[in-house]
Protein backbone atom coordinates (compact mmCIF):
# COMPACT_ATOMS: atom_id res chain seq x y z
CA MET A 1 1.83 12.29 36.54
CA LYS A 2 4.47 12.58 34.10
CA LYS A 3 6.57 10.13 35.39
CA TYR A 4 3.31 7.50 35.16
CA LYS A 5 2.87 8.63 31.73
CA LYS A 6 5.22 6.11 29.90
CA PRO A 7 5.18 3.28 31.85
CA LEU A 8 0.89 3.55 31.27
CA PHE A 9 1.09 3.69 27.47
CA ILE A 10 3.48 0.51 27.37
CA THR A 11 1.02 -1.34 29.52
CA LEU A 12 -2.04 -0.29 27.15
CA ILE A 13 -0.23 -0.47 23.94
CA ALA A 14 0.63 -4.49 25.67
CA LEU A 15 -3.03 -4.96 26.88
CA ASP A 16 -4.31 -4.19 23.72
CA PHE A 17 -1.75 -6.55 21.61
CA ALA A 18 -2.64 -8.71 24.08
CA ILE A 19 -6.48 -8.37 23.43
CA THR A 20 -6.30 -7.80 19.23
CA VAL A 21 -4.52 -11.37 19.26
CA PHE A 22 -6.39 -13.36 21.70
CA LEU A 23 -9.45 -12.33 19.59
CA PHE A 24 -7.67 -12.91 16.04
CA VAL A 25 -7.14 -16.43 17.71
CA ILE A 26 -10.42 -17.04 18.32
CA SER A 27 -11.99 -15.87 15.07
CA ILE A 28 -9.31 -17.98 13.25
CA ILE A 29 -10.38 -21.18 14.96
CA MET A 30 -14.16 -20.19 14.28
CA LEU A 31 -12.97 -20.09 10.68
CA VAL A 32 -11.25 -23.00 10.34
CA LYS A 33 -13.98 -24.96 12.62
CA MET A 34 -16.91 -23.52 10.51
CA GLY A 35 -14.96 -24.58 7.13
CA THR A 36 -14.62 -27.80 7.91
CA HIS A 37 -17.91 -28.41 8.76
CA LYS A 38 -19.54 -26.25 6.23
CA ASN A 39 -22.93 -28.16 6.55
CA ASN A 40 -23.19 -29.17 10.25
CA PRO A 41 -22.59 -26.55 12.85
CA GLN A 42 -23.70 -29.55 15.38
CA ALA A 43 -20.65 -31.31 14.10
CA ALA A 44 -18.24 -28.34 14.08
CA ALA A 45 -19.56 -27.33 17.78
CA ALA A 46 -18.21 -31.35 18.58
CA ALA A 47 -15.32 -31.23 17.21
CA SER A 48 -14.34 -28.09 19.60
CA GLY A 49 -13.80 -27.28 23.05
CA PRO A 50 -16.43 -25.87 25.13
CA MET A 51 -16.03 -22.05 24.04
CA ILE A 52 -15.27 -22.53 20.36
CA ALA A 53 -18.77 -24.38 20.83
CA PHE A 54 -20.68 -22.16 22.76
CA LEU A 55 -19.96 -20.04 19.86
CA ILE A 56 -20.71 -21.54 16.74
CA LYS A 57 -24.13 -22.14 18.59
CA HIS A 58 -24.60 -18.18 19.80
CA PRO A 59 -23.19 -16.72 16.19
CA THR A 60 -24.54 -13.83 17.80
CA VAL A 61 -22.50 -13.43 20.75
CA PHE A 62 -19.49 -13.91 18.91
CA LEU A 63 -20.46 -11.42 16.40
CA CYS A 64 -20.57 -9.24 19.81
CA ALA A 65 -17.92 -10.73 21.65
CA CYS A 66 -15.24 -10.93 19.31
CA VAL A 67 -15.62 -9.57 15.78
CA ILE A 68 -17.17 -6.42 16.77
CA PRO A 69 -14.36 -5.19 19.06
CA LEU A 70 -11.76 -6.59 16.67
CA PHE A 71 -12.94 -3.83 14.41
CA VAL A 72 -12.91 -1.12 16.91
CA LEU A 73 -9.83 -2.35 18.00
CA LEU A 74 -8.40 -1.78 14.49
CA ALA A 75 -10.56 1.38 14.21
CA ALA A 76 -9.22 3.13 17.51
CA ASN A 77 -5.39 1.88 16.50
CA ILE A 78 -5.78 3.15 13.15
CA ILE A 79 -6.61 6.77 14.71
CA GLY A 80 -4.05 6.34 17.56
CA LEU A 81 -1.57 6.06 14.56
CA VAL A 82 -2.67 9.16 12.54
CA ILE A 83 -2.50 11.56 16.27
CA PHE A 84 0.76 10.30 16.61
CA VAL A 85 1.88 10.66 13.02
CA ARG A 86 0.59 13.70 12.96
CA LYS A 87 2.25 15.15 16.28
CA THR A 88 5.22 13.45 15.41
CA SER A 89 5.51 14.80 12.23
CA LYS A 90 5.09 18.60 12.45
CA LYS A 91 6.53 20.56 9.96
CA GLN A 92 9.55 23.21 11.27
CA PRO A 93 10.42 26.59 10.34
CA ALA A 94 13.64 26.92 8.53
CA LYS A 95 16.56 28.41 9.96
CA LEU A 96 18.75 30.41 8.70
CA ASP A 97 21.44 28.78 10.36
CA ASP A 98 20.38 25.79 8.26
CA LEU A 99 20.71 26.95 4.87
CA SER A 100 24.24 26.86 3.14
CA GLU A 101 25.24 30.00 1.15
CA GLU A 102 24.24 29.14 -2.15
CA GLN A 103 20.50 28.97 -0.48
CA LYS A 104 21.17 32.26 1.23
CA GLU A 105 22.18 33.68 -1.91
CA ALA A 106 19.22 32.59 -3.70
CA LEU A 107 16.75 33.33 -1.05
CA ARG A 108 18.12 37.60 -0.96
CA GLN A 109 17.59 37.50 -4.55
CA GLU A 110 14.39 36.06 -4.53
CA LEU A 111 13.38 38.95 -1.40
CA LEU A 112 14.93 41.69 -3.50
CA LYS A 113 12.68 40.21 -6.63
CA ASP A 114 9.86 40.24 -4.59
CA LEU A 115 10.08 43.95 -3.17
CA GLN A 116 10.86 46.06 -6.42
CA ASN A 117 8.33 43.89 -7.91
CA ASN A 118 5.75 45.35 -5.24
CA LYS A 119 7.17 48.78 -5.65
């Protein structure tokens, strides 16, 4: 399963990108067509292709087929990004080998002070 994980993620990301771009382009075309014919949706439908004309005549279908999935994909992408960032940026404890001599000495002094204050 591990060898299929990376190609699966790449395929899902490409599919997500393609669907998002498609829905975004359809939404922009709808905005442009409706913007030029604000008061006359029939003229906007006549000046468009068959798919855009159908979506102009049936705004509920446009809402359910394009707008809501676009927001769902946006939310899923944001959640995925947050999970990815949390997973990759886990704070690692400092190792003694990583510290310089000055830092080690300062840490020793701090520990000695803490031990003396606790007694």
